[in-house]
Amino acid sequence: MERITKSEMEWLLANNYLTIKQGRIEYLIVTSRTRGKAHKDRYIADHIYRHLSKMKLQNK
């Protein structure tokens, strides 16, 4: 099973795909303007959700 790396997590947070409050994932945001980008964003969001739902985030 593939894992999300720290740098990937930081990118996702920086690009507003998700927010973390008190160590919990608050929500996923999927935004897009073009069809190709929409497909990629949905894939990314699904990927995040699948893996993060099995992973416990730890506060730094």
PDB file of N, CA and C in Angstrom:
ATOM      1  N   MET A   1       0.845  -1.192   0.000  1.00  0.00           N
ATOM      2  CA  MET A   1       0.000   0.000   0.000  1.00  0.00           C
ATOM      3  C   MET A   1       0.883   1.247   0.000  1.00  0.00           C
ATOM      4  N   GLU A   2       0.594   2.131  -0.921  1.00  0.00           N
ATOM      5  CA  GLU A   2       1.386   3.360  -1.041  1.00  0.00           C
ATOM      6  C   GLU A   2       1.072   4.320   0.098  1.00  0.00           C
ATOM      7  N   ARG A   3       2.081   5.023   0.561  1.00  0.00           N
ATOM      8  CA  ARG A   3       1.886   5.992   1.638  1.00  0.00           C
ATOM      9  C   ARG A   3       2.127   7.408   1.126  1.00  0.00           C
ATOM     10  N   ILE A   4       1.437   8.342   1.730  1.00  0.00           N
ATOM     11  CA  ILE A   4       1.642   9.742   1.400  1.00  0.00           C
ATOM     12  C   ILE A   4       2.835  10.246   2.203  1.00  0.00           C
ATOM     13  N   THR A   5       3.748  10.898   1.507  1.00  0.00           N
ATOM     14  CA  THR A   5       4.947  11.395   2.177  1.00  0.00           C
ATOM     15  C   THR A   5       4.684  12.744   2.830  1.00  0.00           C
ATOM     16  N   LYS A   6       5.616  13.159   3.668  1.00  0.00           N
ATOM     17  CA  LYS A   6       5.482  14.450   4.349  1.00  0.00           C
ATOM     18  C   LYS A   6       5.419  15.589   3.330  1.00  0.00           C
ATOM     19  N   SER A   7       6.262  15.515   2.288  1.00  0.00           N
ATOM     20  CA  SER A   7       6.267  16.583   1.294  1.00  0.00           C
ATOM     21  C   SER A   7       4.958  16.622   0.509  1.00  0.00           C
ATOM     22  N   GLU A   8       4.391  15.457   0.219  1.00  0.00           N
ATOM     23  CA  GLU A   8       3.087  15.413  -0.448  1.00  0.00           C
ATOM     24  C   GLU A   8       2.013  16.022   0.447  1.00  0.00           C
ATOM     25  N   MET A   9       2.051  15.704   1.719  1.00  0.00           N
ATOM     26  CA  MET A   9       1.087  16.245   2.674  1.00  0.00           C
ATOM     27  C   MET A   9       1.190  17.760   2.733  1.00  0.00           C
ATOM     28  N   GLU A  10       2.434  18.254   2.779  1.00  0.00           N
ATOM     29  CA  GLU A  10       2.647  19.701   2.820  1.00  0.00           C
ATOM     30  C   GLU A  10       2.122  20.368   1.565  1.00  0.00           C
ATOM     31  N   TRP A  11       2.320  19.723   0.387  1.00  0.00           N
ATOM     32  CA  TRP A  11       1.809  20.266  -0.870  1.00  0.00           C
ATOM     33  C   TRP A  11       0.284  20.323  -0.835  1.00  0.00           C
ATOM     34  N   LEU A  12      -0.344  19.259  -0.372  1.00  0.00           N
ATOM     35  CA  LEU A  12      -1.806  19.196  -0.316  1.00  0.00           C
ATOM     36  C   LEU A  12      -2.364  20.269   0.609  1.00  0.00           C
ATOM     37  N   LEU A  13      -1.712  20.460   1.744  1.00  0.00           N
ATOM     38  CA  LEU A  13      -2.134  21.511   2.672  1.00  0.00           C
ATOM     39  C   LEU A  13      -1.937  22.892   2.053  1.00  0.00           C
ATOM     40  N   ALA A  14      -0.794  23.095   1.403  1.00  0.00           N
ATOM     41  CA  ALA A  14      -0.470  24.391   0.808  1.00  0.00           C
ATOM     42  C   ALA A  14      -1.432  24.739  -0.330  1.00  0.00           C
ATOM     43  N   ASN A  15      -1.921  23.711  -1.011  1.00  0.00           N
ATOM     44  CA  ASN A  15      -2.817  23.935  -2.146  1.00  0.00           C
ATOM     45  C   ASN A  15      -4.293  23.778  -1.778  1.00  0.00           C
ATOM     46  N   ASN A  16      -4.566  23.801  -0.476  1.00  0.00           N
ATOM     47  CA  ASN A  16      -5.943  23.808   0.021  1.00  0.00           C
ATOM     48  C   ASN A  16      -6.759  22.560  -0.333  1.00  0.00           C
ATOM     49  N   TYR A  17      -6.108  21.414  -0.463  1.00  0.00           N
ATOM     50  CA  TYR A  17      -6.863  20.183  -0.668  1.00  0.00           C
ATOM     51  C   TYR A  17      -7.446  19.691   0.653  1.00  0.00           C
ATOM     52  N   LEU A  18      -6.801  20.063   1.735  1.00  0.00           N
ATOM     53  CA  LEU A  18      -7.319  19.652   3.033  1.00  0.00           C
ATOM     54  C   LEU A  18      -6.793  20.591   4.095  1.00  0.00           C
ATOM     55  N   THR A  19      -7.456  20.596   5.228  1.00  0.00           N
ATOM     56  CA  THR A  19      -6.964  21.359   6.363  1.00  0.00           C
ATOM     57  C   THR A  19      -6.935  20.434   7.569  1.00  0.00           C
ATOM     58  N   ILE A  20      -6.026  20.709   8.468  1.00  0.00           N
ATOM     59  CA  ILE A  20      -5.925  19.909   9.684  1.00  0.00           C
ATOM     60  C   ILE A  20      -6.083  20.844  10.875  1.00  0.00           C
ATOM     61  N   LYS A  21      -7.053  20.535  11.716  1.00  0.00           N
ATOM     62  CA  LYS A  21      -7.259  21.316  12.924  1.00  0.00           C
ATOM     63  C   LYS A  21      -7.230  20.369  14.105  1.00  0.00           C
ATOM     64  N   GLN A  22      -6.425  20.691  15.088  1.00  0.00           N
ATOM     65  CA  GLN A  22      -6.279  19.864  16.279  1.00  0.00           C
ATOM     66  C   GLN A  22      -5.940  18.420  15.923  1.00  0.00           C
ATOM     67  N   GLY A  23      -5.085  18.269  14.892  1.00  0.00           N
ATOM     68  CA  GLY A  23      -4.625  16.942  14.507  1.00  0.00           C
ATOM     69  C   GLY A  23      -5.632  16.126  13.722  1.00  0.00           C
ATOM     70  N   ARG A  24      -6.784  16.734  13.386  1.00  0.00           N
ATOM     71  CA  ARG A  24      -7.804  15.999  12.626  1.00  0.00           C
ATOM     72  C   ARG A  24      -7.989  16.631  11.262  1.00  0.00           C
ATOM     73  N   ILE A  25      -8.264  15.772  10.264  1.00  0.00           N
ATOM     74  CA  ILE A  25      -8.537  16.260   8.924  1.00  0.00           C
ATOM     75  C   ILE A  25      -9.937  16.847   8.923  1.00  0.00           C
ATOM     76  N   GLU A  26     -10.047  18.109   8.578  1.00  0.00           N
ATOM     77  CA  GLU A  26     -11.343  18.762   8.600  1.00  0.00           C
ATOM     78  C   GLU A  26     -12.135  18.505   7.320  1.00  0.00           C
ATOM     79  N   TYR A  27     -11.511  18.749   6.165  1.00  0.00           N
ATOM     80  CA  TYR A  27     -12.230  18.502   4.927  1.00  0.00           C
ATOM     81  C   TYR A  27     -11.283  18.465   3.742  1.00  0.00           C
ATOM     82  N   LEU A  28     -11.787  17.899   2.668  1.00  0.00           N
ATOM     83  CA  LEU A  28     -11.050  17.875   1.410  1.00  0.00           C
ATOM     84  C   LEU A  28     -11.699  18.886   0.490  1.00  0.00           C
ATOM     85  N   ILE A  29     -10.881  19.628  -0.226  1.00  0.00           N
ATOM     86  CA  ILE A  29     -11.411  20.564  -1.198  1.00  0.00           C
ATOM     87  C   ILE A  29     -10.927  20.122  -2.573  1.00  0.00           C
ATOM     88  N   VAL A  30     -11.850  19.937  -3.485  1.00  0.00           N
ATOM     89  CA  VAL A  30     -11.457  19.600  -4.850  1.00  0.00           C
ATOM     90  C   VAL A  30     -11.964  20.714  -5.751  1.00  0.00           C
ATOM     91  N   THR A  31     -11.047  21.417  -6.373  1.00  0.00           N
ATOM     92  CA  THR A  31     -11.421  22.489  -7.275  1.00  0.00           C
ATOM     93  C   THR A  31     -10.765  22.257  -8.625  1.00  0.00           C
ATOM     94  N   SER A  32     -11.434  22.674  -9.672  1.00  0.00           N
ATOM     95  CA  SER A  32     -10.851  22.517 -10.997  1.00  0.00           C
ATOM     96  C   SER A  32     -11.587  23.396 -11.994  1.00  0.00           C
ATOM     97  N   ARG A  33     -10.915  23.687 -13.105  1.00  0.00           N
ATOM     98  CA  ARG A  33     -11.536  24.487 -14.155  1.00  0.00           C
ATOM     99  C   ARG A  33     -11.582  23.752 -15.483  1.00  0.00           C
ATOM    100  N   THR A  34     -10.693  22.778 -15.654  1.00  0.00           N
ATOM    101  CA  THR A  34     -10.684  22.053 -16.915  1.00  0.00           C
ATOM    102  C   THR A  34     -10.992  20.588 -16.653  1.00  0.00           C
ATOM    103  N   ARG A  35     -11.485  19.917 -17.657  1.00  0.00           N
ATOM    104  CA  ARG A  35     -11.884  18.522 -17.504  1.00  0.00           C
ATOM    105  C   ARG A  35     -10.712  17.645 -17.061  1.00  0.00           C
ATOM    106  N   GLY A  36      -9.568  17.823 -17.713  1.00  0.00           N
ATOM    107  CA  GLY A  36      -8.395  17.009 -17.369  1.00  0.00           C
ATOM    108  C   GLY A  36      -7.955  17.250 -15.933  1.00  0.00           C
ATOM    109  N   LYS A  37      -7.963  18.511 -15.533  1.00  0.00           N
ATOM    110  CA  LYS A  37      -7.577  18.851 -14.178  1.00  0.00           C
ATOM    111  C   LYS A  37      -8.587  18.288 -13.182  1.00  0.00           C
ATOM    112  N   ALA A  38      -9.866  18.339 -13.542  1.00  0.00           N
ATOM    113  CA  ALA A  38     -10.905  17.814 -12.646  1.00  0.00           C
ATOM    114  C   ALA A  38     -10.662  16.336 -12.379  1.00  0.00           C
ATOM    115  N   HIS A  39     -10.324  15.586 -13.419  1.00  0.00           N
ATOM    116  CA  HIS A  39     -10.074  14.152 -13.252  1.00  0.00           C
ATOM    117  C   HIS A  39      -8.886  13.936 -12.328  1.00  0.00           C
ATOM    118  N   LYS A  40      -7.827  14.700 -12.538  1.00  0.00           N
ATOM    119  CA  LYS A  40      -6.634  14.561 -11.701  1.00  0.00           C
ATOM    120  C   LYS A  40      -6.956  14.923 -10.257  1.00  0.00           C
ATOM    121  N   ASP A  41      -7.709  16.013 -10.053  1.00  0.00           N
ATOM    122  CA  ASP A  41      -8.051  16.444  -8.702  1.00  0.00           C
ATOM    123  C   ASP A  41      -8.903  15.406  -7.990  1.00  0.00           C
ATOM    124  N   ARG A  42      -9.841  14.791  -8.708  1.00  0.00           N
ATOM    125  CA  ARG A  42     -10.669  13.749  -8.091  1.00  0.00           C
ATOM    126  C   ARG A  42      -9.799  12.570  -7.683  1.00  0.00           C
ATOM    127  N   TYR A  43      -8.856  12.213  -8.557  1.00  0.00           N
ATOM    128  CA  TYR A  43      -7.954  11.111  -8.234  1.00  0.00           C
ATOM    129  C   TYR A  43      -7.150  11.446  -6.979  1.00  0.00           C
ATOM    130  N   ILE A  44      -6.616  12.665  -6.934  1.00  0.00           N
ATOM    131  CA  ILE A  44      -5.827  13.081  -5.772  1.00  0.00           C
ATOM    132  C   ILE A  44      -6.681  13.035  -4.509  1.00  0.00           C
ATOM    133  N   ALA A  45      -7.900  13.579  -4.596  1.00  0.00           N
ATOM    134  CA  ALA A  45      -8.782  13.600  -3.426  1.00  0.00           C
ATOM    135  C   ALA A  45      -9.114  12.182  -2.962  1.00  0.00           C
ATOM    136  N   ASP A  46      -9.421  11.287  -3.916  1.00  0.00           N
ATOM    137  CA  ASP A  46      -9.721   9.898  -3.565  1.00  0.00           C
ATOM    138  C   ASP A  46      -8.505   9.240  -2.920  1.00  0.00           C
ATOM    139  N   HIS A  47      -7.338   9.519  -3.479  1.00  0.00           N
ATOM    140  CA  HIS A  47      -6.083   8.955  -2.981  1.00  0.00           C
ATOM    141  C   HIS A  47      -5.843   9.422  -1.540  1.00  0.00           C
ATOM    142  N   ILE A  48      -6.029  10.729  -1.316  1.00  0.00           N
ATOM    143  CA  ILE A  48      -5.853  11.272   0.032  1.00  0.00           C
ATOM    144  C   ILE A  48      -6.822  10.590   0.989  1.00  0.00           C
ATOM    145  N   TYR A  49      -8.080  10.554   0.611  1.00  0.00           N
ATOM    146  CA  TYR A  49      -9.097  10.033   1.512  1.00  0.00           C
ATOM    147  C   TYR A  49      -8.840   8.578   1.865  1.00  0.00           C
ATOM    148  N   ARG A  50      -8.532   7.763   0.864  1.00  0.00           N
ATOM    149  CA  ARG A  50      -8.263   6.337   1.099  1.00  0.00           C
ATOM    150  C   ARG A  50      -7.127   6.150   2.089  1.00  0.00           C
ATOM    151  N   HIS A  51      -6.025   6.854   1.847  1.00  0.00           N
ATOM    152  CA  HIS A  51      -4.844   6.610   2.664  1.00  0.00           C
ATOM    153  C   HIS A  51      -4.912   7.307   4.019  1.00  0.00           C
ATOM    154  N   LEU A  52      -5.450   8.514   4.036  1.00  0.00           N
ATOM    155  CA  LEU A  52      -5.499   9.219   5.314  1.00  0.00           C
ATOM    156  C   LEU A  52      -6.533   8.606   6.245  1.00  0.00           C
ATOM    157  N   SER A  53      -7.551   7.988   5.680  1.00  0.00           N
ATOM    158  CA  SER A  53      -8.552   7.358   6.533  1.00  0.00           C
ATOM    159  C   SER A  53      -7.949   6.176   7.290  1.00  0.00           C
ATOM    160  N   LYS A  54      -6.809   5.666   6.793  1.00  0.00           N
ATOM    161  CA  LYS A  54      -6.154   4.536   7.456  1.00  0.00           C
ATOM    162  C   LYS A  54      -4.935   4.984   8.260  1.00  0.00           C
ATOM    163  N   MET A  55      -4.705   6.279   8.278  1.00  0.00           N
ATOM    164  CA  MET A  55      -3.462   6.788   8.826  1.00  0.00           C
ATOM    165  C   MET A  55      -3.778   7.802   9.920  1.00  0.00           C
ATOM    166  N   LYS A  56      -3.076   7.738  11.012  1.00  0.00           N
ATOM    167  CA  LYS A  56      -3.310   8.715  12.078  1.00  0.00           C
ATOM    168  C   LYS A  56      -2.286   9.835  11.961  1.00  0.00           C
ATOM    169  N   LEU A  57      -2.775  11.056  11.797  1.00  0.00           N
ATOM    170  CA  LEU A  57      -1.867  12.196  11.705  1.00  0.00           C
ATOM    171  C   LEU A  57      -1.390  12.576  13.098  1.00  0.00           C
ATOM    172  N   GLN A  58      -0.132  12.871  13.185  1.00  0.00           N
ATOM    173  CA  GLN A  58       0.429  13.253  14.475  1.00  0.00           C
ATOM    174  C   GLN A  58       0.813  14.731  14.455  1.00  0.00           C
ATOM    175  N   ASN A  59       0.476  15.419  15.522  1.00  0.00           N
ATOM    176  CA  ASN A  59       0.863  16.826  15.638  1.00  0.00           C
ATOM    177  C   ASN A  59       2.372  16.921  15.809  1.00  0.00           C
ATOM    178  N   LYS A  60       2.941  17.977  15.225  1.00  0.00           N
ATOM    179  CA  LYS A  60       4.401  18.152  15.324  1.00  0.00           C
ATOM    180  C   LYS A  60       4.758  18.884  16.595  1.00  0.00           C
TER     181      LYS A  60
END
